[in-house]
Amino acid sequence: MAAVTNGIAWNDSYGTALHQSAQSGKPILVSVSSRGCGWCRQLERTTFRDPRVVELLNTQTVPLKIDANDPAHESLVEALGLQAVPTLAAITPDGRIVANQAGYLDARKFLHWIRPVVGPTR
């Protein structure tokens, strides 16, 4: 199920996101956070409100937001080798993790980090 936060149509199920990714050919952008995480809230308040980031995530990726402590995503969190939150990851339509970044990124750094995964932005 997708929930719109800050204009981003986030999925909350890895299975659904993987299916959408396979259908569309777009990579999954995973945002892993946890309650009480100050840097996670900062990411939501700044980076994920930047219009360039919102557009890129909605048009060039399948956005997925999960809680690091949600048992439903335990295997994904383990596969990501989660060391800290927030963690951002990019997963190809065939399920390969191709980028993994722990810690907060401002919009400029986020766009620089994601560019190799999604290709040039407009």
PDB file of N, CA and C in Angstrom:
ATOM      1  N   MET A   1       0.843  -1.179   0.000  1.00  0.00           N
ATOM      2  CA  MET A   1       0.000   0.000   0.000  1.00  0.00           C
ATOM      3  C   MET A   1       0.887   1.241   0.000  1.00  0.00           C
ATOM      4  N   ALA A   2       0.520   2.223  -0.788  1.00  0.00           N
ATOM      5  CA  ALA A   2       1.298   3.454  -0.874  1.00  0.00           C
ATOM      6  C   ALA A   2       0.669   4.523   0.010  1.00  0.00           C
ATOM      7  N   ALA A   3       1.518   5.241   0.714  1.00  0.00           N
ATOM      8  CA  ALA A   3       1.083   6.371   1.522  1.00  0.00           C
ATOM      9  C   ALA A   3       1.882   7.581   1.074  1.00  0.00           C
ATOM     10  N   VAL A   4       1.206   8.684   0.822  1.00  0.00           N
ATOM     11  CA  VAL A   4       1.894   9.884   0.355  1.00  0.00           C
ATOM     12  C   VAL A   4       2.340  10.708   1.562  1.00  0.00           C
ATOM     13  N   THR A   5       3.648  10.929   1.652  1.00  0.00           N
ATOM     14  CA  THR A   5       4.229  11.761   2.699  1.00  0.00           C
ATOM     15  C   THR A   5       5.167  12.743   2.016  1.00  0.00           C
ATOM     16  N   ASN A   6       4.976  14.030   2.279  1.00  0.00           N
ATOM     17  CA  ASN A   6       5.801  15.076   1.662  1.00  0.00           C
ATOM     18  C   ASN A   6       5.735  15.017   0.141  1.00  0.00           C
ATOM     19  N   GLY A   7       4.641  14.478  -0.392  1.00  0.00           N
ATOM     20  CA  GLY A   7       4.496  14.391  -1.839  1.00  0.00           C
ATOM     21  C   GLY A   7       5.081  13.137  -2.448  1.00  0.00           C
ATOM     22  N   ILE A   8       5.732  12.297  -1.656  1.00  0.00           N
ATOM     23  CA  ILE A   8       6.329  11.056  -2.142  1.00  0.00           C
ATOM     24  C   ILE A   8       5.347   9.917  -1.901  1.00  0.00           C
ATOM     25  N   ALA A   9       5.105   9.113  -2.934  1.00  0.00           N
ATOM     26  CA  ALA A   9       4.177   7.975  -2.843  1.00  0.00           C
ATOM     27  C   ALA A   9       4.934   6.748  -2.346  1.00  0.00           C
ATOM     28  N   TRP A  10       5.112   6.670  -1.032  1.00  0.00           N
ATOM     29  CA  TRP A  10       5.875   5.600  -0.414  1.00  0.00           C
ATOM     30  C   TRP A  10       5.083   4.296  -0.376  1.00  0.00           C
ATOM     31  N   ASN A  11       5.733   3.202  -0.732  1.00  0.00           N
ATOM     32  CA  ASN A  11       5.212   1.862  -0.479  1.00  0.00           C
ATOM     33  C   ASN A  11       5.629   1.478   0.930  1.00  0.00           C
ATOM     34  N   ASP A  12       4.887   0.556   1.544  1.00  0.00           N
ATOM     35  CA  ASP A  12       5.281   0.077   2.869  1.00  0.00           C
ATOM     36  C   ASP A  12       5.490  -1.434   2.881  1.00  0.00           C
ATOM     37  N   SER A  13       5.513  -2.037   1.688  1.00  0.00           N
ATOM     38  CA  SER A  13       5.717  -3.482   1.561  1.00  0.00           C
ATOM     39  C   SER A  13       6.804  -3.743   0.526  1.00  0.00           C
ATOM     40  N   TYR A  14       7.854  -4.464   0.935  1.00  0.00           N
ATOM     41  CA  TYR A  14       8.933  -4.785   0.006  1.00  0.00           C
ATOM     42  C   TYR A  14       8.418  -5.647  -1.138  1.00  0.00           C
ATOM     43  N   GLY A  15       7.540  -6.582  -0.848  1.00  0.00           N
ATOM     44  CA  GLY A  15       6.990  -7.443  -1.892  1.00  0.00           C
ATOM     45  C   GLY A  15       6.263  -6.645  -2.954  1.00  0.00           C
ATOM     46  N   THR A  16       5.433  -5.695  -2.525  1.00  0.00           N
ATOM     47  CA  THR A  16       4.704  -4.839  -3.458  1.00  0.00           C
ATOM     48  C   THR A  16       5.676  -3.981  -4.265  1.00  0.00           C
ATOM     49  N   ALA A  17       6.656  -3.396  -3.585  1.00  0.00           N
ATOM     50  CA  ALA A  17       7.643  -2.545  -4.259  1.00  0.00           C
ATOM     51  C   ALA A  17       8.446  -3.349  -5.278  1.00  0.00           C
ATOM     52  N   LEU A  18       8.827  -4.581  -4.917  1.00  0.00           N
ATOM     53  CA  LEU A  18       9.595  -5.417  -5.830  1.00  0.00           C
ATOM     54  C   LEU A  18       8.764  -5.756  -7.071  1.00  0.00           C
ATOM     55  N   HIS A  19       7.486  -6.043  -6.868  1.00  0.00           N
ATOM     56  CA  HIS A  19       6.587  -6.323  -7.991  1.00  0.00           C
ATOM     57  C   HIS A  19       6.472  -5.093  -8.907  1.00  0.00           C
ATOM     58  N   GLN A  20       6.251  -3.916  -8.310  1.00  0.00           N
ATOM     59  CA  GLN A  20       6.142  -2.682  -9.097  1.00  0.00           C
ATOM     60  C   GLN A  20       7.442  -2.390  -9.829  1.00  0.00           C
ATOM     61  N   SER A  21       8.564  -2.651  -9.177  1.00  0.00           N
ATOM     62  CA  SER A  21       9.874  -2.421  -9.783  1.00  0.00           C
ATOM     63  C   SER A  21      10.066  -3.346 -10.988  1.00  0.00           C
ATOM     64  N   ALA A  22       9.701  -4.603 -10.830  1.00  0.00           N
ATOM     65  CA  ALA A  22       9.835  -5.561 -11.928  1.00  0.00           C
ATOM     66  C   ALA A  22       8.935  -5.173 -13.099  1.00  0.00           C
ATOM     67  N   GLN A  23       7.747  -4.678 -12.812  1.00  0.00           N
ATOM     68  CA  GLN A  23       6.804  -4.283 -13.860  1.00  0.00           C
ATOM     69  C   GLN A  23       7.264  -3.025 -14.591  1.00  0.00           C
ATOM     70  N   SER A  24       7.811  -2.066 -13.840  1.00  0.00           N
ATOM     71  CA  SER A  24       8.160  -0.770 -14.416  1.00  0.00           C
ATOM     72  C   SER A  24       9.609  -0.678 -14.896  1.00  0.00           C
ATOM     73  N   GLY A  25      10.473  -1.558 -14.378  1.00  0.00           N
ATOM     74  CA  GLY A  25      11.889  -1.469 -14.698  1.00  0.00           C
ATOM     75  C   GLY A  25      12.624  -0.418 -13.884  1.00  0.00           C
ATOM     76  N   LYS A  26      11.929   0.210 -12.935  1.00  0.00           N
ATOM     77  CA  LYS A  26      12.543   1.246 -12.100  1.00  0.00           C
ATOM     78  C   LYS A  26      13.150   0.623 -10.848  1.00  0.00           C
ATOM     79  N   PRO A  27      14.263   1.179 -10.360  1.00  0.00           N
ATOM     80  CA  PRO A  27      14.842   0.669  -9.116  1.00  0.00           C
ATOM     81  C   PRO A  27      13.981   1.055  -7.913  1.00  0.00           C
ATOM     82  N   ILE A  28      14.113   0.282  -6.859  1.00  0.00           N
ATOM     83  CA  ILE A  28      13.459   0.603  -5.584  1.00  0.00           C
ATOM     84  C   ILE A  28      14.406   1.496  -4.803  1.00  0.00           C
ATOM     85  N   LEU A  29      13.883   2.583  -4.255  1.00  0.00           N
ATOM     86  CA  LEU A  29      14.647   3.402  -3.323  1.00  0.00           C
ATOM     87  C   LEU A  29      14.089   3.089  -1.943  1.00  0.00           C
ATOM     88  N   VAL A  30      14.898   2.480  -1.086  1.00  0.00           N
ATOM     89  CA  VAL A  30      14.470   2.115   0.256  1.00  0.00           C
ATOM     90  C   VAL A  30      14.967   3.154   1.246  1.00  0.00           C
ATOM     91  N   SER A  31      14.068   3.619   2.093  1.00  0.00           N
ATOM     92  CA  SER A  31      14.419   4.483   3.213  1.00  0.00           C
ATOM     93  C   SER A  31      14.101   3.702   4.484  1.00  0.00           C
ATOM     94  N   VAL A  32      15.135   3.410   5.265  1.00  0.00           N
ATOM     95  CA  VAL A  32      14.966   2.664   6.508  1.00  0.00           C
ATOM     96  C   VAL A  32      15.151   3.646   7.663  1.00  0.00           C
ATOM     97  N   SER A  33      14.163   3.707   8.517  1.00  0.00           N
ATOM     98  CA  SER A  33      14.229   4.612   9.660  1.00  0.00           C
ATOM     99  C   SER A  33      13.702   3.890  10.890  1.00  0.00           C
ATOM    100  N   SER A  34      13.668   4.604  12.008  1.00  0.00           N
ATOM    101  CA  SER A  34      13.070   4.069  13.222  1.00  0.00           C
ATOM    102  C   SER A  34      12.498   5.222  14.033  1.00  0.00           C
ATOM    103  N   ARG A  35      11.554   4.873  14.876  1.00  0.00           N
ATOM    104  CA  ARG A  35      10.961   5.893  15.747  1.00  0.00           C
ATOM    105  C   ARG A  35      12.025   6.421  16.688  1.00  0.00           C
ATOM    106  N   GLY A  36      11.957   7.690  16.957  1.00  0.00           N
ATOM    107  CA  GLY A  36      12.908   8.303  17.864  1.00  0.00           C
ATOM    108  C   GLY A  36      14.228   8.692  17.224  1.00  0.00           C
ATOM    109  N   CYS A  37      14.372   8.463  15.935  1.00  0.00           N
ATOM    110  CA  CYS A  37      15.610   8.780  15.228  1.00  0.00           C
ATOM    111  C   CYS A  37      15.556  10.230  14.748  1.00  0.00           C
ATOM    112  N   GLY A  38      16.377  11.070  15.325  1.00  0.00           N
ATOM    113  CA  GLY A  38      16.403  12.481  14.966  1.00  0.00           C
ATOM    114  C   GLY A  38      16.840  12.732  13.533  1.00  0.00           C
ATOM    115  N   TRP A  39      17.858  12.001  13.075  1.00  0.00           N
ATOM    116  CA  TRP A  39      18.330  12.181  11.698  1.00  0.00           C
ATOM    117  C   TRP A  39      17.294  11.696  10.696  1.00  0.00           C
ATOM    118  N   CYS A  40      16.496  10.696  11.079  1.00  0.00           N
ATOM    119  CA  CYS A  40      15.417  10.227  10.205  1.00  0.00           C
ATOM    120  C   CYS A  40      14.367  11.331  10.040  1.00  0.00           C
ATOM    121  N   ARG A  41      14.026  11.988  11.142  1.00  0.00           N
ATOM    122  CA  ARG A  41      13.071  13.100  11.072  1.00  0.00           C
ATOM    123  C   ARG A  41      13.637  14.249  10.250  1.00  0.00           C
ATOM    124  N   GLN A  42      14.931  14.498  10.386  1.00  0.00           N
ATOM    125  CA  GLN A  42      15.586  15.554   9.607  1.00  0.00           C
ATOM    126  C   GLN A  42      15.523  15.235   8.112  1.00  0.00           C
ATOM    127  N   LEU A  43      15.738  13.985   7.746  1.00  0.00           N
ATOM    128  CA  LEU A  43      15.647  13.544   6.355  1.00  0.00           C
ATOM    129  C   LEU A  43      14.238  13.817   5.818  1.00  0.00           C
ATOM    130  N   GLU A  44      13.227  13.510   6.625  1.00  0.00           N
ATOM    131  CA  GLU A  44      11.832  13.760   6.237  1.00  0.00           C
ATOM    132  C   GLU A  44      11.555  15.256   6.082  1.00  0.00           C
ATOM    133  N   ARG A  45      12.068  16.061   7.008  1.00  0.00           N
ATOM    134  CA  ARG A  45      11.789  17.507   7.011  1.00  0.00           C
ATOM    135  C   ARG A  45      12.521  18.270   5.920  1.00  0.00           C
ATOM    136  N   THR A  46      13.649  17.752   5.465  1.00  0.00           N
ATOM    137  CA  THR A  46      14.460  18.512   4.513  1.00  0.00           C
ATOM    138  C   THR A  46      14.555  17.806   3.161  1.00  0.00           C
ATOM    139  N   THR A  47      15.347  16.774   3.098  1.00  0.00           N
ATOM    140  CA  THR A  47      15.639  16.088   1.834  1.00  0.00           C
ATOM    141  C   THR A  47      14.377  15.614   1.132  1.00  0.00           C
ATOM    142  N   PHE A  48      13.499  14.941   1.868  1.00  0.00           N
ATOM    143  CA  PHE A  48      12.305  14.376   1.251  1.00  0.00           C
ATOM    144  C   PHE A  48      11.204  15.408   1.009  1.00  0.00           C
ATOM    145  N   ARG A  49      11.498  16.674   1.241  1.00  0.00           N
ATOM    146  CA  ARG A  49      10.577  17.761   0.870  1.00  0.00           C
ATOM    147  C   ARG A  49      11.111  18.575  -0.296  1.00  0.00           C
ATOM    148  N   ASP A  50      12.347  18.337  -0.665  1.00  0.00           N
ATOM    149  CA  ASP A  50      12.935  19.065  -1.787  1.00  0.00           C
ATOM    150  C   ASP A  50      12.204  18.654  -3.066  1.00  0.00           C
ATOM    151  N   PRO A  51      11.689  19.618  -3.837  1.00  0.00           N
ATOM    152  CA  PRO A  51      10.916  19.280  -5.037  1.00  0.00           C
ATOM    153  C   PRO A  51      11.673  18.404  -6.031  1.00  0.00           C
ATOM    154  N   ARG A  52      12.986  18.578  -6.146  1.00  0.00           N
ATOM    155  CA  ARG A  52      13.775  17.749  -7.074  1.00  0.00           C
ATOM    156  C   ARG A  52      13.805  16.300  -6.604  1.00  0.00           C
ATOM    157  N   VAL A  53      13.924  16.107  -5.301  1.00  0.00           N
ATOM    158  CA  VAL A  53      13.955  14.759  -4.734  1.00  0.00           C
ATOM    159  C   VAL A  53      12.588  14.102  -4.869  1.00  0.00           C
ATOM    160  N   VAL A  54      11.537  14.856  -4.556  1.00  0.00           N
ATOM    161  CA  VAL A  54      10.169  14.327  -4.660  1.00  0.00           C
ATOM    162  C   VAL A  54       9.892  13.870  -6.088  1.00  0.00           C
ATOM    163  N   GLU A  55      10.218  14.713  -7.062  1.00  0.00           N
ATOM    164  CA  GLU A  55       9.963  14.364  -8.461  1.00  0.00           C
ATOM    165  C   GLU A  55      10.767  13.135  -8.880  1.00  0.00           C
ATOM    166  N   LEU A  56      12.041  13.108  -8.532  1.00  0.00           N
ATOM    167  CA  LEU A  56      12.887  11.977  -8.901  1.00  0.00           C
ATOM    168  C   LEU A  56      12.358  10.683  -8.290  1.00  0.00           C
ATOM    169  N   LEU A  57      12.032  10.698  -7.011  1.00  0.00           N
ATOM    170  CA  LEU A  57      11.558   9.474  -6.367  1.00  0.00           C
ATOM    171  C   LEU A  57      10.247   8.991  -6.974  1.00  0.00           C
ATOM    172  N   ASN A  58       9.332   9.915  -7.259  1.00  0.00           N
ATOM    173  CA  ASN A  58       8.030   9.525  -7.800  1.00  0.00           C
ATOM    174  C   ASN A  58       8.069   9.116  -9.268  1.00  0.00           C
ATOM    175  N   THR A  59       9.034   9.625 -10.031  1.00  0.00           N
ATOM    176  CA  THR A  59       9.040   9.338 -11.465  1.00  0.00           C
ATOM    177  C   THR A  59      10.095   8.317 -11.891  1.00  0.00           C
ATOM    178  N   GLN A  60      11.201   8.211 -11.130  1.00  0.00           N
ATOM    179  CA  GLN A  60      12.298   7.366 -11.574  1.00  0.00           C
ATOM    180  C   GLN A  60      12.602   6.189 -10.647  1.00  0.00           C
ATOM    181  N   THR A  61      11.847   6.067  -9.550  1.00  0.00           N
ATOM    182  CA  THR A  61      12.056   4.958  -8.622  1.00  0.00           C
ATOM    183  C   THR A  61      10.714   4.437  -8.125  1.00  0.00           C
ATOM    184  N   VAL A  62      10.788   3.338  -7.414  1.00  0.00           N
ATOM    185  CA  VAL A  62       9.655   2.841  -6.640  1.00  0.00           C
ATOM    186  C   VAL A  62      10.045   3.087  -5.184  1.00  0.00           C
ATOM    187  N   PRO A  63       9.507   4.143  -4.555  1.00  0.00           N
ATOM    188  CA  PRO A  63       9.909   4.484  -3.187  1.00  0.00           C
ATOM    189  C   PRO A  63       9.329   3.505  -2.165  1.00  0.00           C
ATOM    190  N   LEU A  64      10.170   3.080  -1.235  1.00  0.00           N
ATOM    191  CA  LEU A  64       9.770   2.157  -0.170  1.00  0.00           C
ATOM    192  C   LEU A  64      10.301   2.684   1.146  1.00  0.00           C
ATOM    193  N   LYS A  65       9.410   2.881   2.111  1.00  0.00           N
ATOM    194  CA  LYS A  65       9.815   3.337   3.438  1.00  0.00           C
ATOM    195  C   LYS A  65       9.477   2.241   4.438  1.00  0.00           C
ATOM    196  N   ILE A  66      10.487   1.829   5.206  1.00  0.00           N
ATOM    197  CA  ILE A  66      10.257   0.796   6.212  1.00  0.00           C
ATOM    198  C   ILE A  66      10.845   1.206   7.555  1.00  0.00           C
ATOM    199  N   ASP A  67      10.311   0.605   8.607  1.00  0.00           N
ATOM    200  CA  ASP A  67      10.823   0.792   9.954  1.00  0.00           C
ATOM    201  C   ASP A  67      11.847  -0.320  10.211  1.00  0.00           C
ATOM    202  N   ALA A  68      13.001   0.051  10.702  1.00  0.00           N
ATOM    203  CA  ALA A  68      14.082  -0.911  10.939  1.00  0.00           C
ATOM    204  C   ALA A  68      13.674  -2.010  11.907  1.00  0.00           C
ATOM    205  N   ASN A  69      12.697  -1.737  12.765  1.00  0.00           N
ATOM    206  CA  ASN A  69      12.303  -2.696  13.789  1.00  0.00           C
ATOM    207  C   ASN A  69      11.043  -3.477  13.433  1.00  0.00           C
ATOM    208  N   ASP A  70      10.539  -3.318  12.213  1.00  0.00           N
ATOM    209  CA  ASP A  70       9.332  -4.014  11.786  1.00  0.00           C
ATOM    210  C   ASP A  70       9.686  -5.452  11.419  1.00  0.00           C
ATOM    211  N   PRO A  71       9.132  -6.436  12.139  1.00  0.00           N
ATOM    212  CA  PRO A  71       9.454  -7.833  11.850  1.00  0.00           C
ATOM    213  C   PRO A  71       9.119  -8.244  10.408  1.00  0.00           C
ATOM    214  N   ALA A  72       8.178  -7.570   9.779  1.00  0.00           N
ATOM    215  CA  ALA A  72       7.802  -7.904   8.401  1.00  0.00           C
ATOM    216  C   ALA A  72       8.940  -7.633   7.428  1.00  0.00           C
ATOM    217  N   HIS A  73       9.885  -6.782   7.810  1.00  0.00           N
ATOM    218  CA  HIS A  73      10.999  -6.442   6.924  1.00  0.00           C
ATOM    219  C   HIS A  73      12.344  -6.911   7.470  1.00  0.00           C
ATOM    220  N   GLU A  74      12.306  -7.849   8.391  1.00  0.00           N
ATOM    221  CA  GLU A  74      13.530  -8.324   9.028  1.00  0.00           C
ATOM    222  C   GLU A  74      14.551  -8.847   8.017  1.00  0.00           C
ATOM    223  N   SER A  75      14.115  -9.618   7.025  1.00  0.00           N
ATOM    224  CA  SER A  75      15.069 -10.175   6.055  1.00  0.00           C
ATOM    225  C   SER A  75      15.674  -9.083   5.170  1.00  0.00           C
ATOM    226  N   LEU A  76      14.891  -8.060   4.813  1.00  0.00           N
ATOM    227  CA  LEU A  76      15.433  -6.960   4.020  1.00  0.00           C
ATOM    228  C   LEU A  76      16.446  -6.164   4.836  1.00  0.00           C
ATOM    229  N   VAL A  77      16.115  -5.871   6.082  1.00  0.00           N
ATOM    230  CA  VAL A  77      17.034  -5.136   6.959  1.00  0.00           C
ATOM    231  C   VAL A  77      18.338  -5.916   7.104  1.00  0.00           C
ATOM    232  N   GLU A  78      18.232  -7.235   7.248  1.00  0.00           N
ATOM    233  CA  GLU A  78      19.422  -8.075   7.357  1.00  0.00           C
ATOM    234  C   GLU A  78      20.228  -8.047   6.053  1.00  0.00           C
ATOM    235  N   ALA A  79      19.544  -8.140   4.911  1.00  0.00           N
ATOM    236  CA  ALA A  79      20.222  -8.121   3.611  1.00  0.00           C
ATOM    237  C   ALA A  79      20.963  -6.802   3.389  1.00  0.00           C
ATOM    238  N   LEU A  80      20.413  -5.717   3.927  1.00  0.00           N
ATOM    239  CA  LEU A  80      21.050  -4.410   3.781  1.00  0.00           C
ATOM    240  C   LEU A  80      22.254  -4.249   4.714  1.00  0.00           C
ATOM    241  N   GLY A  81      22.406  -5.163   5.657  1.00  0.00           N
ATOM    242  CA  GLY A  81      23.506  -5.049   6.608  1.00  0.00           C
ATOM    243  C   GLY A  81      23.361  -3.802   7.457  1.00  0.00           C
ATOM    244  N   LEU A  82      22.145  -3.511   7.853  1.00  0.00           N
ATOM    245  CA  LEU A  82      21.837  -2.269   8.554  1.00  0.00           C
ATOM    246  C   LEU A  82      22.734  -2.054   9.764  1.00  0.00           C
ATOM    247  N   GLN A  83      23.429  -0.924   9.771  1.00  0.00           N
ATOM    248  CA  GLN A  83      24.302  -0.547  10.873  1.00  0.00           C
ATOM    249  C   GLN A  83      23.759   0.665  11.624  1.00  0.00           C
ATOM    250  N   ALA A  84      22.990   1.492  10.922  1.00  0.00           N
ATOM    251  CA  ALA A  84      22.488   2.734  11.516  1.00  0.00           C
ATOM    252  C   ALA A  84      21.266   3.190  10.736  1.00  0.00           C
ATOM    253  N   VAL A  85      20.490   4.050  11.361  1.00  0.00           N
ATOM    254  CA  VAL A  85      19.380   4.699  10.677  1.00  0.00           C
ATOM    255  C   VAL A  85      19.617   6.195  10.720  1.00  0.00           C
ATOM    256  N   PRO A  86      19.183   6.917   9.697  1.00  0.00           N
ATOM    257  CA  PRO A  86      18.547   6.384   8.508  1.00  0.00           C
ATOM    258  C   PRO A  86      19.546   5.673   7.603  1.00  0.00           C
ATOM    259  N   THR A  87      19.034   4.719   6.850  1.00  0.00           N
ATOM    260  CA  THR A  87      19.804   4.079   5.788  1.00  0.00           C
ATOM    261  C   THR A  87      18.990   4.179   4.510  1.00  0.00           C
ATOM    262  N   LEU A  88      19.666   4.500   3.435  1.00  0.00           N
ATOM    263  CA  LEU A  88      19.053   4.552   2.113  1.00  0.00           C
ATOM    264  C   LEU A  88      19.688   3.458   1.278  1.00  0.00           C
ATOM    265  N   ALA A  89      18.884   2.817   0.457  1.00  0.00           N
ATOM    266  CA  ALA A  89      19.415   1.764  -0.415  1.00  0.00           C
ATOM    267  C   ALA A  89      18.675   1.793  -1.740  1.00  0.00           C
ATOM    268  N   ALA A  90      19.362   1.352  -2.768  1.00  0.00           N
ATOM    269  CA  ALA A  90      18.756   1.220  -4.092  1.00  0.00           C
ATOM    270  C   ALA A  90      18.835  -0.244  -4.481  1.00  0.00           C
ATOM    271  N   ILE A  91      17.710  -0.757  -4.954  1.00  0.00           N
ATOM    272  CA  ILE A  91      17.598  -2.167  -5.321  1.00  0.00           C
ATOM    273  C   ILE A  91      17.081  -2.257  -6.745  1.00  0.00           C
ATOM    274  N   THR A  92      17.755  -3.051  -7.573  1.00  0.00           N
ATOM    275  CA  THR A  92      17.353  -3.207  -8.972  1.00  0.00           C
ATOM    276  C   THR A  92      16.060  -4.017  -9.065  1.00  0.00           C
ATOM    277  N   PRO A  93      15.391  -3.964 -10.213  1.00  0.00           N
ATOM    278  CA  PRO A  93      14.157  -4.738 -10.377  1.00  0.00           C
ATOM    279  C   PRO A  93      14.328  -6.247 -10.163  1.00  0.00           C
ATOM    280  N   ASP A  94      15.559  -6.755 -10.305  1.00  0.00           N
ATOM    281  CA  ASP A  94      15.775  -8.177 -10.052  1.00  0.00           C
ATOM    282  C   ASP A  94      16.219  -8.464  -8.621  1.00  0.00           C
ATOM    283  N   GLY A  95      16.159  -7.429  -7.753  1.00  0.00           N
ATOM    284  CA  GLY A  95      16.403  -7.623  -6.329  1.00  0.00           C
ATOM    285  C   GLY A  95      17.828  -7.446  -5.857  1.00  0.00           C
ATOM    286  N   ARG A  96      18.732  -6.950  -6.709  1.00  0.00           N
ATOM    287  CA  ARG A  96      20.118  -6.728  -6.293  1.00  0.00           C
ATOM    288  C   ARG A  96      20.269  -5.371  -5.617  1.00  0.00           C
ATOM    289  N   ILE A  97      20.953  -5.342  -4.490  1.00  0.00           N
ATOM    290  CA  ILE A  97      21.255  -4.085  -3.797  1.00  0.00           C
ATOM    291  C   ILE A  97      22.457  -3.466  -4.496  1.00  0.00           C
ATOM    292  N   VAL A  98      22.263  -2.280  -5.093  1.00  0.00           N
ATOM    293  CA  VAL A  98      23.343  -1.663  -5.866  1.00  0.00           C
ATOM    294  C   VAL A  98      23.909  -0.404  -5.216  1.00  0.00           C
ATOM    295  N   ALA A  99      23.247   0.080  -4.186  1.00  0.00           N
ATOM    296  CA  ALA A  99      23.753   1.244  -3.451  1.00  0.00           C
ATOM    297  C   ALA A  99      23.193   1.177  -2.043  1.00  0.00           C
ATOM    298  N   ASN A 100      24.014   1.565  -1.082  1.00  0.00           N
ATOM    299  CA  ASN A 100      23.612   1.497   0.315  1.00  0.00           C
ATOM    300  C   ASN A 100      24.324   2.623   1.041  1.00  0.00           C
ATOM    301  N   GLN A 101      23.574   3.451   1.726  1.00  0.00           N
ATOM    302  CA  GLN A 101      24.143   4.640   2.363  1.00  0.00           C
ATOM    303  C   GLN A 101      23.538   4.805   3.753  1.00  0.00           C
ATOM    304  N   ALA A 102      24.375   4.743   4.769  1.00  0.00           N
ATOM    305  CA  ALA A 102      23.907   4.989   6.136  1.00  0.00           C
ATOM    306  C   ALA A 102      24.117   6.453   6.476  1.00  0.00           C
ATOM    307  N   GLY A 103      23.138   7.033   7.154  1.00  0.00           N
ATOM    308  CA  GLY A 103      23.261   8.403   7.617  1.00  0.00           C
ATOM    309  C   GLY A 103      22.469   9.388   6.786  1.00  0.00           C
ATOM    310  N   TYR A 104      22.356  10.565   7.324  1.00  0.00           N
ATOM    311  CA  TYR A 104      21.589  11.642   6.712  1.00  0.00           C
ATOM    312  C   TYR A 104      22.307  12.201   5.482  1.00  0.00           C
ATOM    313  N   LEU A 105      21.537  12.479   4.436  1.00  0.00           N
ATOM    314  CA  LEU A 105      22.043  13.192   3.258  1.00  0.00           C
ATOM    315  C   LEU A 105      21.119  14.367   2.984  1.00  0.00           C
ATOM    316  N   ASP A 106      21.702  15.549   2.760  1.00  0.00           N
ATOM    317  CA  ASP A 106      20.856  16.663   2.340  1.00  0.00           C
ATOM    318  C   ASP A 106      20.454  16.426   0.882  1.00  0.00           C
ATOM    319  N   ALA A 107      19.589  17.260   0.351  1.00  0.00           N
ATOM    320  CA  ALA A 107      19.044  17.038  -0.994  1.00  0.00           C
ATOM    321  C   ALA A 107      20.141  16.971  -2.052  1.00  0.00           C
ATOM    322  N   ARG A 108      21.112  17.863  -1.996  1.00  0.00           N
ATOM    323  CA  ARG A 108      22.187  17.880  -2.994  1.00  0.00           C
ATOM    324  C   ARG A 108      22.981  16.580  -2.944  1.00  0.00           C
ATOM    325  N   LYS A 109      23.362  16.149  -1.759  1.00  0.00           N
ATOM    326  CA  LYS A 109      24.140  14.911  -1.616  1.00  0.00           C
ATOM    327  C   LYS A 109      23.292  13.692  -1.982  1.00  0.00           C
ATOM    328  N   PHE A 110      22.013  13.722  -1.642  1.00  0.00           N
ATOM    329  CA  PHE A 110      21.130  12.620  -1.999  1.00  0.00           C
ATOM    330  C   PHE A 110      21.048  12.474  -3.516  1.00  0.00           C
ATOM    331  N   LEU A 111      20.830  13.585  -4.215  1.00  0.00           N
ATOM    332  CA  LEU A 111      20.723  13.541  -5.676  1.00  0.00           C
ATOM    333  C   LEU A 111      22.030  13.050  -6.301  1.00  0.00           C
ATOM    334  N   HIS A 112      23.150  13.454  -5.753  1.00  0.00           N
ATOM    335  CA  HIS A 112      24.445  12.986  -6.246  1.00  0.00           C
ATOM    336  C   HIS A 112      24.591  11.477  -6.004  1.00  0.00           C
ATOM    337  N   TRP A 113      24.141  11.004  -4.842  1.00  0.00           N
ATOM    338  CA  TRP A 113      24.234   9.588  -4.491  1.00  0.00           C
ATOM    339  C   TRP A 113      23.343   8.723  -5.385  1.00  0.00           C
ATOM    340  N   ILE A 114      22.128   9.181  -5.670  1.00  0.00           N
ATOM    341  CA  ILE A 114      21.156   8.368  -6.411  1.00  0.00           C
ATOM    342  C   ILE A 114      21.369   8.439  -7.931  1.00  0.00           C
ATOM    343  N   ARG A 115      22.021   9.475  -8.410  1.00  0.00           N
ATOM    344  CA  ARG A 115      22.178   9.668  -9.857  1.00  0.00           C
ATOM    345  C   ARG A 115      22.735   8.449 -10.598  1.00  0.00           C
ATOM    346  N   PRO A 116      23.781   7.769 -10.108  1.00  0.00           N
ATOM    347  CA  PRO A 116      24.284   6.597 -10.822  1.00  0.00           C
ATOM    348  C   PRO A 116      23.254   5.459 -10.920  1.00  0.00           C
ATOM    349  N   VAL A 117      22.318   5.424 -10.008  1.00  0.00           N
ATOM    350  CA  VAL A 117      21.305   4.358 -10.002  1.00  0.00           C
ATOM    351  C   VAL A 117      20.203   4.647 -11.005  1.00  0.00           C
ATOM    352  N   VAL A 118      19.752   5.890 -11.076  1.00  0.00           N
ATOM    353  CA  VAL A 118      18.613   6.226 -11.930  1.00  0.00           C
ATOM    354  C   VAL A 118      19.011   6.865 -13.251  1.00  0.00           C
ATOM    355  N   GLY A 119      20.271   7.229 -13.397  1.00  0.00           N
ATOM    356  CA  GLY A 119      20.722   7.898 -14.609  1.00  0.00           C
ATOM    357  C   GLY A 119      20.631   9.399 -14.451  1.00  0.00           C
ATOM    358  N   PRO A 120      20.959  10.144 -15.480  1.00  0.00           N
ATOM    359  CA  PRO A 120      20.938  11.613 -15.400  1.00  0.00           C
ATOM    360  C   PRO A 120      19.553  12.129 -15.093  1.00  0.00           C
ATOM    361  N   THR A 121      19.510  13.155 -14.265  1.00  0.00           N
ATOM    362  CA  THR A 121      18.230  13.814 -13.974  1.00  0.00           C
ATOM    363  C   THR A 121      18.066  15.016 -14.869  1.00  0.00           C
ATOM    364  N   ARG A 122      16.842  15.441 -14.994  1.00  0.00           N
ATOM    365  CA  ARG A 122      16.560  16.580 -15.870  1.00  0.00           C
ATOM    366  C   ARG A 122      17.092  17.867 -15.308  1.00  0.00           C
TER     367      ARG A 122
END
